[in-house]
Amino acid sequence: MNQINNSPKKLRILIADDVQETRRNTRLMVAAVNNTEVVAIASNGRQAVEMTEEQRPDIVILDINMPEMDGLTAYKNIRQAHPNTACIIISSENDPVTVNAAKSIGVQEFLVKPFIIEELETAVENIKKHLSEIRQNATLPDLSNINSTAYLEQLANEYLKEGRTDDLATQIFERLAMNPECSLRWLETLAMIYAIQQEWGKLKPLVARLEEKTKNKNK
């Protein structure tokens, strides 16, 4: 399948910490992570909220304990205004209560200081996948009311060119497969998606259908 060759867009990152050395070290680490750029640096939570309004970062890296406004409160404010902005909370303590509190308000990643670049890279990569899913779903059509085979095939062709195997693409090919006269091409693509997703329960009956359809075609 064809893959998109365009260079990925850089993730815009805001860093907020009241300790200058931590801000500096975090900025240096972010600079070493592929396809990221620091667009703002704040010294407290209130600044982080204000700078998010100005810069609209994809990810905010927030220290949990900061003057004027702590990291969790800052992210609550940020997420209320910008629900698709992701967050990495950093803290000097790995306290389960604090970790759970962070997760409860939608924080995606939690790093314990001092963290290393590999940990930051992993956190950013996890968030990148999360943001990609959000953006794909945001542009998805409402398939429940689409009965046009031609329109579904148009979407399927686009996703096939892009090499997509996400939930949205799966839904499109599954809708096409509901048609008893579905093209072998779409059934084969759906079978490949099921194999990639390791959906063996769905793959087995689909393979049987493919074999039967191929047999009938060759008669």
N, C-alpha and C. Protein backbone atom coordinates (compact mmCIF):
# COMPACT_ATOMS: atom_id res chain seq x y z
N MET A 1 0.83 -1.19 0.00
CA MET A 1 0.00 0.00 0.00
C MET A 1 0.87 1.25 0.00
N ASN A 2 0.35 2.30 -0.63
CA ASN A 2 1.12 3.54 -0.71
C ASN A 2 1.18 4.23 0.64
N GLN A 3 2.28 4.87 0.90
CA GLN A 3 2.45 5.62 2.14
C GLN A 3 2.59 7.09 1.80
N ILE A 4 2.16 7.96 2.73
CA ILE A 4 2.30 9.39 2.54
C ILE A 4 3.76 9.77 2.74
N ASN A 5 4.29 10.57 1.82
CA ASN A 5 5.70 10.94 1.88
C ASN A 5 5.93 12.33 2.45
N ASN A 6 4.85 13.06 2.75
CA ASN A 6 5.02 14.41 3.27
C ASN A 6 5.71 14.40 4.62
N SER A 7 6.56 15.39 4.87
CA SER A 7 7.23 15.49 6.16
C SER A 7 6.20 15.79 7.24
N PRO A 8 6.29 15.11 8.38
CA PRO A 8 5.30 15.35 9.43
C PRO A 8 5.42 16.76 10.01
N LYS A 9 4.28 17.29 10.38
CA LYS A 9 4.25 18.61 10.98
C LYS A 9 4.87 18.55 12.38
N LYS A 10 5.64 19.57 12.73
CA LYS A 10 6.27 19.60 14.05
C LYS A 10 5.23 19.84 15.14
N LEU A 11 5.41 19.12 16.24
CA LEU A 11 4.55 19.33 17.39
C LEU A 11 5.01 20.57 18.15
N ARG A 12 4.08 21.47 18.41
CA ARG A 12 4.39 22.71 19.12
C ARG A 12 4.26 22.46 20.63
N ILE A 13 5.32 22.79 21.36
CA ILE A 13 5.37 22.46 22.78
C ILE A 13 5.60 23.69 23.65
N LEU A 14 4.84 23.78 24.73
CA LEU A 14 5.03 24.81 25.76
C LEU A 14 5.60 24.14 27.01
N ILE A 15 6.59 24.78 27.63
CA ILE A 15 7.20 24.26 28.86
C ILE A 15 6.92 25.25 29.99
N ALA A 16 6.49 24.73 31.13
CA ALA A 16 6.25 25.59 32.30
C ALA A 16 6.84 24.95 33.55
N ASP A 17 7.77 25.66 34.17
CA ASP A 17 8.40 25.21 35.42
C ASP A 17 8.97 26.44 36.11
N ASP A 18 8.87 26.47 37.44
CA ASP A 18 9.36 27.65 38.16
C ASP A 18 10.87 27.60 38.41
N VAL A 19 11.50 26.48 38.07
CA VAL A 19 12.95 26.35 38.24
C VAL A 19 13.63 26.56 36.89
N GLN A 20 14.49 27.56 36.82
CA GLN A 20 15.12 27.92 35.55
C GLN A 20 15.93 26.77 34.97
N GLU A 21 16.66 26.05 35.82
CA GLU A 21 17.50 24.95 35.34
C GLU A 21 16.64 23.85 34.70
N THR A 22 15.49 23.58 35.31
CA THR A 22 14.59 22.56 34.75
C THR A 22 14.03 23.02 33.42
N ARG A 23 13.67 24.29 33.32
CA ARG A 23 13.17 24.83 32.05
C ARG A 23 14.22 24.66 30.96
N ARG A 24 15.46 25.00 31.32
CA ARG A 24 16.56 24.92 30.35
C ARG A 24 16.80 23.48 29.92
N ASN A 25 16.89 22.57 30.88
CA ASN A 25 17.17 21.16 30.55
C ASN A 25 16.03 20.55 29.72
N THR A 26 14.80 20.89 30.08
CA THR A 26 13.65 20.35 29.34
C THR A 26 13.65 20.87 27.92
N ARG A 27 13.98 22.15 27.76
CA ARG A 27 14.03 22.74 26.41
C ARG A 27 15.09 22.05 25.56
N LEU A 28 16.24 21.77 26.14
CA LEU A 28 17.31 21.09 25.40
C LEU A 28 16.89 19.69 24.98
N MET A 29 16.19 19.00 25.87
CA MET A 29 15.73 17.65 25.54
C MET A 29 14.68 17.68 24.45
N VAL A 30 13.74 18.62 24.54
CA VAL A 30 12.71 18.74 23.51
C VAL A 30 13.35 19.01 22.15
N ALA A 31 14.40 19.84 22.16
CA ALA A 31 15.09 20.19 20.90
C ALA A 31 15.70 18.95 20.24
N ALA A 32 15.99 17.94 21.05
CA ALA A 32 16.61 16.72 20.51
C ALA A 32 15.57 15.68 20.07
N VAL A 33 14.30 15.95 20.35
CA VAL A 33 13.24 15.02 19.94
C VAL A 33 12.77 15.40 18.54
N ASN A 34 12.70 14.43 17.66
CA ASN A 34 12.32 14.69 16.26
C ASN A 34 10.95 15.31 16.13
N ASN A 35 10.84 16.24 15.18
CA ASN A 35 9.57 16.86 14.81
C ASN A 35 8.85 17.55 15.98
N THR A 36 9.64 18.23 16.81
CA THR A 36 9.07 19.03 17.89
C THR A 36 9.73 20.40 17.88
N GLU A 37 9.02 21.39 18.42
CA GLU A 37 9.61 22.71 18.59
C GLU A 37 9.00 23.37 19.82
N VAL A 38 9.83 24.06 20.59
CA VAL A 38 9.35 24.79 21.76
C VAL A 38 8.85 26.16 21.29
N VAL A 39 7.59 26.45 21.58
CA VAL A 39 7.01 27.72 21.13
C VAL A 39 6.82 28.71 22.28
N ALA A 40 6.93 28.23 23.54
CA ALA A 40 6.77 29.14 24.68
C ALA A 40 7.34 28.49 25.93
N ILE A 41 7.84 29.36 26.83
CA ILE A 41 8.37 28.89 28.12
C ILE A 41 7.79 29.78 29.22
N ALA A 42 7.18 29.16 30.22
CA ALA A 42 6.55 29.90 31.32
C ALA A 42 7.19 29.51 32.64
N SER A 43 7.10 30.42 33.61
CA SER A 43 7.69 30.15 34.93
C SER A 43 6.64 29.85 35.99
N ASN A 44 5.36 29.89 35.61
CA ASN A 44 4.30 29.49 36.54
C ASN A 44 3.06 29.08 35.75
N GLY A 45 2.10 28.53 36.46
CA GLY A 45 0.90 28.02 35.80
C GLY A 45 0.06 29.08 35.13
N ARG A 46 -0.03 30.23 35.75
CA ARG A 46 -0.84 31.31 35.16
C ARG A 46 -0.26 31.75 33.82
N GLN A 47 1.06 31.88 33.77
CA GLN A 47 1.72 32.23 32.51
C GLN A 47 1.47 31.15 31.45
N ALA A 48 1.49 29.90 31.89
CA ALA A 48 1.27 28.79 30.96
C ALA A 48 -0.10 28.90 30.31
N VAL A 49 -1.11 29.23 31.10
CA VAL A 49 -2.47 29.38 30.56
C VAL A 49 -2.52 30.53 29.55
N GLU A 50 -1.90 31.66 29.93
CA GLU A 50 -1.90 32.83 29.05
C GLU A 50 -1.14 32.56 27.75
N MET A 51 0.02 31.89 27.87
CA MET A 51 0.83 31.61 26.68
C MET A 51 0.18 30.58 25.77
N THR A 52 -0.61 29.69 26.36
CA THR A 52 -1.33 28.71 25.55
C THR A 52 -2.35 29.43 24.66
N GLU A 53 -2.99 30.45 25.20
CA GLU A 53 -3.93 31.25 24.40
C GLU A 53 -3.22 31.92 23.23
N GLU A 54 -2.00 32.36 23.46
CA GLU A 54 -1.26 33.08 22.43
C GLU A 54 -0.66 32.13 21.39
N GLN A 55 -0.08 31.03 21.86
CA GLN A 55 0.71 30.17 20.97
C GLN A 55 -0.01 28.91 20.49
N ARG A 56 -1.06 28.50 21.18
CA ARG A 56 -1.81 27.29 20.82
C ARG A 56 -0.91 26.07 20.61
N PRO A 57 -0.16 25.67 21.63
CA PRO A 57 0.72 24.50 21.49
C PRO A 57 -0.09 23.21 21.37
N ASP A 58 0.54 22.18 20.82
CA ASP A 58 -0.07 20.85 20.77
C ASP A 58 0.07 20.14 22.11
N ILE A 59 1.21 20.40 22.78
CA ILE A 59 1.52 19.75 24.06
C ILE A 59 2.00 20.79 25.05
N VAL A 60 1.51 20.70 26.30
CA VAL A 60 2.06 21.53 27.37
C VAL A 60 2.77 20.61 28.37
N ILE A 61 4.00 20.96 28.70
CA ILE A 61 4.76 20.22 29.71
C ILE A 61 4.74 21.08 30.97
N LEU A 62 4.04 20.62 32.00
CA LEU A 62 3.79 21.44 33.18
C LEU A 62 4.35 20.80 34.44
N ASP A 63 5.13 21.58 35.17
CA ASP A 63 5.55 21.14 36.51
C ASP A 63 4.31 21.15 37.40
N ILE A 64 4.24 20.21 38.30
CA ILE A 64 3.03 20.12 39.12
C ILE A 64 2.98 21.18 40.22
N ASN A 65 4.14 21.54 40.77
CA ASN A 65 4.19 22.55 41.84
C ASN A 65 4.81 23.84 41.32
N MET A 66 3.95 24.84 41.11
CA MET A 66 4.42 26.14 40.63
C MET A 66 3.69 27.25 41.38
N PRO A 67 4.32 28.41 41.52
CA PRO A 67 3.65 29.53 42.18
C PRO A 67 2.51 30.09 41.33
N GLU A 68 1.59 30.78 41.98
CA GLU A 68 0.43 31.43 41.36
C GLU A 68 -0.62 30.44 40.89
N MET A 69 -0.19 29.38 40.21
CA MET A 69 -1.13 28.34 39.78
C MET A 69 -0.36 27.05 39.54
N ASP A 70 -0.79 25.96 40.18
CA ASP A 70 -0.09 24.68 40.02
C ASP A 70 -0.39 24.07 38.64
N GLY A 71 0.39 23.04 38.30
CA GLY A 71 0.28 22.45 36.98
C GLY A 71 -1.08 21.83 36.68
N LEU A 72 -1.68 21.14 37.65
CA LEU A 72 -2.97 20.51 37.42
C LEU A 72 -4.07 21.54 37.21
N THR A 73 -4.06 22.60 38.02
CA THR A 73 -5.05 23.66 37.84
C THR A 73 -4.87 24.35 36.49
N ALA A 74 -3.61 24.56 36.14
CA ALA A 74 -3.32 25.19 34.85
C ALA A 74 -3.87 24.34 33.71
N TYR A 75 -3.65 23.03 33.79
CA TYR A 75 -4.12 22.18 32.69
C TYR A 75 -5.65 22.11 32.65
N LYS A 76 -6.29 22.16 33.80
CA LYS A 76 -7.76 22.20 33.81
C LYS A 76 -8.25 23.40 33.01
N ASN A 77 -7.62 24.56 33.25
CA ASN A 77 -7.99 25.78 32.53
C ASN A 77 -7.70 25.67 31.03
N ILE A 78 -6.52 25.11 30.74
CA ILE A 78 -6.12 24.97 29.34
C ILE A 78 -7.06 24.02 28.60
N ARG A 79 -7.36 22.90 29.22
CA ARG A 79 -8.19 21.89 28.55
C ARG A 79 -9.63 22.37 28.35
N GLN A 80 -10.09 23.19 29.29
CA GLN A 80 -11.44 23.73 29.16
C GLN A 80 -11.56 24.58 27.89
N ALA A 81 -10.52 25.38 27.63
CA ALA A 81 -10.53 26.25 26.45
C ALA A 81 -10.06 25.53 25.19
N HIS A 82 -9.14 24.57 25.37
CA HIS A 82 -8.55 23.87 24.22
C HIS A 82 -8.51 22.37 24.53
N PRO A 83 -9.63 21.69 24.37
CA PRO A 83 -9.73 20.27 24.78
C PRO A 83 -8.77 19.32 24.07
N ASN A 84 -8.24 19.71 22.91
CA ASN A 84 -7.32 18.83 22.18
C ASN A 84 -5.85 19.08 22.50
N THR A 85 -5.58 20.00 23.44
CA THR A 85 -4.20 20.24 23.86
C THR A 85 -3.79 19.15 24.84
N ALA A 86 -2.71 18.44 24.52
CA ALA A 86 -2.25 17.33 25.37
C ALA A 86 -1.31 17.85 26.46
N CYS A 87 -1.09 17.00 27.46
CA CYS A 87 -0.29 17.45 28.61
C CYS A 87 0.64 16.36 29.14
N ILE A 88 1.86 16.79 29.44
CA ILE A 88 2.82 15.97 30.20
C ILE A 88 3.05 16.68 31.52
N ILE A 89 2.69 16.04 32.61
CA ILE A 89 2.96 16.60 33.94
C ILE A 89 4.30 16.08 34.42
N ILE A 90 5.13 16.98 34.97
CA ILE A 90 6.42 16.55 35.53
C ILE A 90 6.43 16.86 37.03
N SER A 91 7.00 15.96 37.80
CA SER A 91 7.00 16.11 39.25
C SER A 91 8.23 15.44 39.83
N SER A 92 8.68 15.93 40.96
CA SER A 92 9.83 15.33 41.63
C SER A 92 9.42 14.12 42.46
N GLU A 93 8.10 13.90 42.59
CA GLU A 93 7.60 12.77 43.38
C GLU A 93 6.67 11.90 42.56
N ASN A 94 6.85 10.60 42.69
CA ASN A 94 5.97 9.65 42.00
C ASN A 94 4.89 9.19 42.97
N ASP A 95 3.96 10.10 43.24
CA ASP A 95 2.90 9.85 44.21
C ASP A 95 1.66 9.31 43.48
N PRO A 96 1.21 8.08 43.81
CA PRO A 96 0.06 7.49 43.11
C PRO A 96 -1.19 8.36 43.17
N VAL A 97 -1.40 9.03 44.28
CA VAL A 97 -2.58 9.90 44.42
C VAL A 97 -2.51 11.04 43.40
N THR A 98 -1.31 11.63 43.27
CA THR A 98 -1.13 12.73 42.33
C THR A 98 -1.25 12.24 40.89
N VAL A 99 -0.68 11.07 40.61
CA VAL A 99 -0.77 10.49 39.27
C VAL A 99 -2.23 10.27 38.89
N ASN A 100 -3.01 9.72 39.81
CA ASN A 100 -4.43 9.48 39.55
C ASN A 100 -5.20 10.78 39.37
N ALA A 101 -4.83 11.79 40.16
CA ALA A 101 -5.48 13.10 40.03
C ALA A 101 -5.20 13.69 38.65
N ALA A 102 -3.96 13.50 38.19
CA ALA A 102 -3.58 14.00 36.86
C ALA A 102 -4.38 13.28 35.77
N LYS A 103 -4.47 11.96 35.88
CA LYS A 103 -5.21 11.18 34.88
C LYS A 103 -6.68 11.56 34.86
N SER A 104 -7.22 11.87 36.04
CA SER A 104 -8.65 12.18 36.13
C SER A 104 -9.04 13.45 35.40
N ILE A 105 -8.07 14.35 35.17
CA ILE A 105 -8.38 15.59 34.44
C ILE A 105 -7.90 15.52 32.98
N GLY A 106 -7.46 14.33 32.58
CA GLY A 106 -7.11 14.14 31.17
C GLY A 106 -5.64 14.22 30.82
N VAL A 107 -4.75 14.31 31.83
CA VAL A 107 -3.31 14.34 31.55
C VAL A 107 -2.90 13.01 30.92
N GLN A 108 -2.16 13.08 29.82
CA GLN A 108 -1.79 11.86 29.09
C GLN A 108 -0.53 11.19 29.64
N GLU A 109 0.46 11.99 30.06
CA GLU A 109 1.74 11.41 30.48
C GLU A 109 2.22 12.07 31.77
N PHE A 110 2.95 11.30 32.59
CA PHE A 110 3.46 11.77 33.88
C PHE A 110 4.93 11.36 33.97
N LEU A 111 5.82 12.33 34.10
CA LEU A 111 7.26 12.04 34.20
C LEU A 111 7.79 12.49 35.55
N VAL A 112 8.65 11.65 36.12
CA VAL A 112 9.25 11.97 37.42
C VAL A 112 10.62 12.59 37.20
N LYS A 113 10.84 13.76 37.79
CA LYS A 113 12.14 14.44 37.69
C LYS A 113 13.17 13.77 38.59
N PRO A 114 14.42 13.69 38.16
CA PRO A 114 14.93 14.07 36.84
C PRO A 114 14.67 12.95 35.84
N PHE A 115 14.05 13.29 34.72
CA PHE A 115 13.79 12.29 33.68
C PHE A 115 14.84 12.42 32.58
N ILE A 116 14.95 11.40 31.76
CA ILE A 116 15.96 11.40 30.69
C ILE A 116 15.26 11.57 29.35
N ILE A 117 16.04 11.85 28.31
CA ILE A 117 15.47 12.15 27.00
C ILE A 117 14.66 10.99 26.44
N GLU A 118 15.08 9.76 26.73
CA GLU A 118 14.34 8.61 26.21
C GLU A 118 12.93 8.56 26.80
N GLU A 119 12.80 8.93 28.07
CA GLU A 119 11.47 8.96 28.70
C GLU A 119 10.60 10.05 28.07
N LEU A 120 11.21 11.19 27.81
CA LEU A 120 10.47 12.28 27.17
C LEU A 120 10.06 11.89 25.76
N GLU A 121 10.96 11.25 25.02
CA GLU A 121 10.64 10.83 23.65
C GLU A 121 9.45 9.86 23.65
N THR A 122 9.45 8.93 24.59
CA THR A 122 8.35 7.96 24.68
C THR A 122 7.04 8.67 24.97
N ALA A 123 7.07 9.62 25.91
CA ALA A 123 5.87 10.37 26.26
C ALA A 123 5.34 11.15 25.06
N VAL A 124 6.24 11.81 24.34
CA VAL A 124 5.84 12.59 23.16
C VAL A 124 5.28 11.68 22.07
N GLU A 125 5.89 10.52 21.87
CA GLU A 125 5.43 9.58 20.85
C GLU A 125 4.03 9.07 21.19
N ASN A 126 3.79 8.78 22.47
CA ASN A 126 2.46 8.33 22.89
C ASN A 126 1.42 9.41 22.63
N ILE A 127 1.77 10.64 22.94
CA ILE A 127 0.84 11.75 22.73
C ILE A 127 0.62 11.99 21.23
N LYS A 128 1.67 11.81 20.44
CA LYS A 128 1.54 12.00 18.99
C LYS A 128 0.47 11.06 18.43
N LYS A 129 0.48 9.82 18.88
CA LYS A 129 -0.53 8.85 18.43
C LYS A 129 -1.92 9.27 18.89
N HIS A 130 -1.99 9.75 20.13
CA HIS A 130 -3.26 10.20 20.70
C HIS A 130 -3.82 11.37 19.90
N LEU A 131 -2.98 12.34 19.59
CA LEU A 131 -3.41 13.52 18.83
C LEU A 131 -3.82 13.14 17.41
N SER A 132 -3.10 12.19 16.82
CA SER A 132 -3.41 11.74 15.46
C SER A 132 -4.81 11.13 15.41
N GLU A 133 -5.13 10.33 16.41
CA GLU A 133 -6.47 9.70 16.47
C GLU A 133 -7.55 10.76 16.62
N ILE A 134 -7.29 11.76 17.47
CA ILE A 134 -8.27 12.84 17.68
C ILE A 134 -8.53 13.58 16.38
N ARG A 135 -7.46 13.91 15.67
CA ARG A 135 -7.61 14.68 14.44
C ARG A 135 -8.29 13.88 13.34
N GLN A 136 -7.99 12.60 13.27
CA GLN A 136 -8.64 11.76 12.27
C GLN A 136 -10.13 11.65 12.55
N ASN A 137 -10.47 11.44 13.82
CA ASN A 137 -11.87 11.32 14.19
C ASN A 137 -12.63 12.62 14.00
N ALA A 138 -11.92 13.74 14.18
CA ALA A 138 -12.56 15.05 14.03
C ALA A 138 -12.96 15.31 12.59
N THR A 139 -12.26 14.68 11.65
CA THR A 139 -12.57 14.90 10.24
C THR A 139 -13.40 13.76 9.64
N LEU A 140 -13.78 12.81 10.49
CA LEU A 140 -14.54 11.67 10.01
C LEU A 140 -15.99 12.03 9.69
N PRO A 141 -16.50 11.50 8.61
CA PRO A 141 -17.92 11.71 8.34
C PRO A 141 -18.76 10.84 9.25
N ASP A 142 -20.02 11.19 9.42
CA ASP A 142 -20.95 10.36 10.18
C ASP A 142 -21.40 9.23 9.26
N LEU A 143 -20.83 8.05 9.48
CA LEU A 143 -21.09 6.94 8.56
C LEU A 143 -22.47 6.32 8.75
N SER A 144 -23.09 6.58 9.90
CA SER A 144 -24.36 5.92 10.21
C SER A 144 -25.45 6.29 9.22
N ASN A 145 -25.36 7.49 8.62
CA ASN A 145 -26.40 7.93 7.70
C ASN A 145 -25.95 7.89 6.24
N ILE A 146 -24.82 7.26 5.97
CA ILE A 146 -24.31 7.21 4.60
C ILE A 146 -24.68 5.86 3.98
N ASN A 147 -25.50 5.91 2.94
CA ASN A 147 -25.90 4.69 2.26
C ASN A 147 -25.38 4.62 0.83
N SER A 148 -24.66 5.65 0.42
CA SER A 148 -24.16 5.71 -0.95
C SER A 148 -22.89 4.87 -1.10
N THR A 149 -22.99 3.81 -1.87
CA THR A 149 -21.82 2.96 -2.11
C THR A 149 -20.71 3.74 -2.81
N ALA A 150 -21.14 4.60 -3.75
CA ALA A 150 -20.15 5.39 -4.50
C ALA A 150 -19.33 6.28 -3.57
N TYR A 151 -20.01 6.89 -2.57
CA TYR A 151 -19.31 7.77 -1.64
C TYR A 151 -18.38 6.95 -0.74
N LEU A 152 -18.85 5.80 -0.28
CA LEU A 152 -18.01 4.94 0.55
C LEU A 152 -16.78 4.46 -0.23
N GLU A 153 -16.98 4.15 -1.50
CA GLU A 153 -15.85 3.70 -2.31
C GLU A 153 -14.85 4.84 -2.55
N GLN A 154 -15.37 6.06 -2.66
CA GLN A 154 -14.49 7.22 -2.81
C GLN A 154 -13.60 7.39 -1.58
N LEU A 155 -14.22 7.27 -0.39
CA LEU A 155 -13.45 7.35 0.86
C LEU A 155 -12.46 6.20 0.94
N ALA A 156 -12.92 5.01 0.57
CA ALA A 156 -12.05 3.83 0.63
C ALA A 156 -10.82 3.99 -0.25
N ASN A 157 -11.02 4.54 -1.45
CA ASN A 157 -9.89 4.78 -2.35
C ASN A 157 -8.88 5.75 -1.75
N GLU A 158 -9.40 6.80 -1.10
CA GLU A 158 -8.52 7.79 -0.47
C GLU A 158 -7.71 7.15 0.65
N TYR A 159 -8.38 6.35 1.49
CA TYR A 159 -7.69 5.73 2.62
C TYR A 159 -6.71 4.66 2.16
N LEU A 160 -7.05 4.00 1.04
CA LEU A 160 -6.15 2.98 0.49
C LEU A 160 -4.86 3.64 0.01
N LYS A 161 -4.97 4.79 -0.66
CA LYS A 161 -3.79 5.53 -1.12
C LYS A 161 -2.93 6.00 0.05
N GLU A 162 -3.59 6.36 1.15
CA GLU A 162 -2.87 6.87 2.32
C GLU A 162 -2.31 5.75 3.18
N GLY A 163 -2.70 4.50 2.88
CA GLY A 163 -2.23 3.37 3.67
C GLY A 163 -2.80 3.35 5.07
N ARG A 164 -4.03 3.84 5.22
CA ARG A 164 -4.62 3.92 6.56
C ARG A 164 -5.23 2.61 7.00
N THR A 165 -4.98 2.26 8.27
CA THR A 165 -5.57 1.06 8.85
C THR A 165 -6.19 1.36 10.21
N ASP A 166 -6.55 2.63 10.43
CA ASP A 166 -7.12 3.04 11.71
C ASP A 166 -8.60 2.68 11.79
N ASP A 167 -9.23 3.07 12.91
CA ASP A 167 -10.63 2.72 13.14
C ASP A 167 -11.55 3.29 12.06
N LEU A 168 -11.26 4.49 11.61
CA LEU A 168 -12.08 5.12 10.59
C LEU A 168 -12.05 4.34 9.28
N ALA A 169 -10.83 3.97 8.87
CA ALA A 169 -10.69 3.18 7.64
C ALA A 169 -11.40 1.83 7.79
N THR A 170 -11.25 1.23 8.96
CA THR A 170 -11.91 -0.06 9.22
C THR A 170 -13.42 0.06 9.04
N GLN A 171 -14.00 1.13 9.59
CA GLN A 171 -15.45 1.33 9.47
C GLN A 171 -15.89 1.45 8.01
N ILE A 172 -15.10 2.17 7.23
CA ILE A 172 -15.43 2.35 5.81
C ILE A 172 -15.46 1.00 5.09
N PHE A 173 -14.41 0.21 5.27
CA PHE A 173 -14.33 -1.07 4.56
C PHE A 173 -15.36 -2.08 5.10
N GLU A 174 -15.67 -1.98 6.38
CA GLU A 174 -16.70 -2.86 6.93
C GLU A 174 -18.07 -2.53 6.35
N ARG A 175 -18.33 -1.22 6.15
CA ARG A 175 -19.60 -0.82 5.55
C ARG A 175 -19.70 -1.35 4.12
N LEU A 176 -18.60 -1.28 3.38
CA LEU A 176 -18.59 -1.81 2.02
C LEU A 176 -18.79 -3.33 2.01
N ALA A 177 -18.18 -3.98 3.00
CA ALA A 177 -18.25 -5.45 3.06
C ALA A 177 -19.66 -5.95 3.39
N MET A 178 -20.52 -5.07 3.92
CA MET A 178 -21.90 -5.47 4.23
C MET A 178 -22.69 -5.76 2.95
N ASN A 179 -22.22 -5.23 1.84
CA ASN A 179 -22.87 -5.47 0.56
C ASN A 179 -22.48 -6.86 0.05
N PRO A 180 -23.46 -7.74 -0.20
CA PRO A 180 -23.14 -9.10 -0.69
C PRO A 180 -22.35 -9.08 -2.00
N GLU A 181 -22.50 -8.00 -2.77
CA GLU A 181 -21.79 -7.89 -4.05
C GLU A 181 -20.49 -7.09 -3.91
N CYS A 182 -19.99 -6.94 -2.70
CA CYS A 182 -18.78 -6.15 -2.45
C CYS A 182 -17.61 -6.65 -3.29
N SER A 183 -16.85 -5.71 -3.82
CA SER A 183 -15.69 -6.04 -4.65
C SER A 183 -14.65 -6.82 -3.85
N LEU A 184 -13.98 -7.74 -4.54
CA LEU A 184 -12.89 -8.51 -3.92
C LEU A 184 -11.83 -7.57 -3.35
N ARG A 185 -11.61 -6.48 -4.05
CA ARG A 185 -10.58 -5.51 -3.64
C ARG A 185 -10.83 -5.01 -2.22
N TRP A 186 -12.09 -4.66 -1.94
CA TRP A 186 -12.39 -4.11 -0.60
C TRP A 186 -12.33 -5.21 0.46
N LEU A 187 -12.77 -6.41 0.10
CA LEU A 187 -12.71 -7.52 1.06
C LEU A 187 -11.26 -7.87 1.40
N GLU A 188 -10.40 -7.87 0.39
CA GLU A 188 -8.99 -8.17 0.60
C GLU A 188 -8.33 -7.10 1.48
N THR A 189 -8.70 -5.84 1.25
CA THR A 189 -8.15 -4.76 2.07
C THR A 189 -8.60 -4.88 3.51
N LEU A 190 -9.88 -5.20 3.71
CA LEU A 190 -10.40 -5.36 5.06
C LEU A 190 -9.71 -6.54 5.75
N ALA A 191 -9.47 -7.61 5.01
CA ALA A 191 -8.77 -8.78 5.58
C ALA A 191 -7.37 -8.38 6.04
N MET A 192 -6.69 -7.55 5.23
CA MET A 192 -5.35 -7.11 5.60
C MET A 192 -5.39 -6.26 6.87
N ILE A 193 -6.41 -5.37 6.97
CA ILE A 193 -6.55 -4.53 8.17
C ILE A 193 -6.79 -5.39 9.40
N TYR A 194 -7.67 -6.38 9.27
CA TYR A 194 -7.94 -7.28 10.40
C TYR A 194 -6.66 -8.01 10.83
N ALA A 195 -5.84 -8.42 9.86
CA ALA A 195 -4.59 -9.11 10.17
C ALA A 195 -3.64 -8.18 10.92
N ILE A 196 -3.54 -6.92 10.46
CA ILE A 196 -2.68 -5.94 11.13
C ILE A 196 -3.15 -5.69 12.56
N GLN A 197 -4.48 -5.61 12.72
CA GLN A 197 -5.06 -5.35 14.04
C GLN A 197 -5.17 -6.61 14.90
N GLN A 198 -4.81 -7.76 14.30
CA GLN A 198 -4.88 -9.07 14.97
C GLN A 198 -6.31 -9.39 15.42
N GLU A 199 -7.27 -9.01 14.57
CA GLU A 199 -8.68 -9.31 14.82
C GLU A 199 -8.99 -10.67 14.21
N TRP A 200 -8.46 -11.73 14.82
CA TRP A 200 -8.55 -13.06 14.21
C TRP A 200 -9.99 -13.55 14.14
N GLY A 201 -10.81 -13.20 15.12
CA GLY A 201 -12.20 -13.63 15.11
C GLY A 201 -12.96 -13.06 13.92
N LYS A 202 -12.64 -11.83 13.53
CA LYS A 202 -13.28 -11.21 12.37
C LYS A 202 -12.64 -11.68 11.06
N LEU A 203 -11.35 -11.98 11.13
CA LEU A 203 -10.62 -12.34 9.92
C LEU A 203 -11.04 -13.70 9.38
N LYS A 204 -11.27 -14.66 10.26
CA LYS A 204 -11.56 -16.03 9.81
C LYS A 204 -12.79 -16.11 8.90
N PRO A 205 -13.96 -15.57 9.31
CA PRO A 205 -15.11 -15.65 8.41
C PRO A 205 -14.93 -14.82 7.13
N LEU A 206 -14.14 -13.75 7.23
CA LEU A 206 -13.90 -12.92 6.04
C LEU A 206 -13.05 -13.68 5.03
N VAL A 207 -12.06 -14.41 5.51
CA VAL A 207 -11.22 -15.22 4.61
C VAL A 207 -12.06 -16.30 3.93
N ALA A 208 -12.98 -16.90 4.70
CA ALA A 208 -13.86 -17.93 4.13
C ALA A 208 -14.74 -17.32 3.03
N ARG A 209 -15.21 -16.11 3.27
CA ARG A 209 -16.03 -15.40 2.27
C ARG A 209 -15.20 -15.09 1.02
N LEU A 210 -13.96 -14.68 1.24
CA LEU A 210 -13.07 -14.38 0.11
C LEU A 210 -12.82 -15.63 -0.73
N GLU A 211 -12.58 -16.73 -0.05
CA GLU A 211 -12.32 -17.99 -0.77
C GLU A 211 -13.53 -18.40 -1.59
N GLU A 212 -14.72 -18.27 -1.00
CA GLU A 212 -15.95 -18.64 -1.71
C GLU A 212 -16.18 -17.72 -2.90
N LYS A 213 -15.93 -16.42 -2.70
CA LYS A 213 -16.14 -15.46 -3.79
C LYS A 213 -15.14 -15.68 -4.94
N THR A 214 -13.91 -16.01 -4.56
CA THR A 214 -12.88 -16.28 -5.58
C THR A 214 -13.21 -17.55 -6.37
N LYS A 215 -13.71 -18.56 -5.64
CA LYS A 215 -14.09 -19.84 -6.28
C LYS A 215 -15.20 -19.62 -7.29
N ASN A 216 -16.22 -18.83 -6.88
CA ASN A 216 -17.36 -18.58 -7.77
C ASN A 216 -16.94 -17.77 -8.99
N LYS A 217 -15.98 -16.85 -8.78
CA LYS A 217 -15.51 -16.00 -9.87
C LYS A 217 -14.78 -16.81 -10.92
N ASN A 218 -14.09 -17.88 -10.47
CA ASN A 218 -13.28 -18.67 -11.39
C ASN A 218 -14.06 -19.80 -12.08
N LYS A 219 -15.34 -19.95 -11.71
CA LYS A 219 -16.14 -21.02 -12.34
C LYS A 219 -16.44 -20.69 -13.80
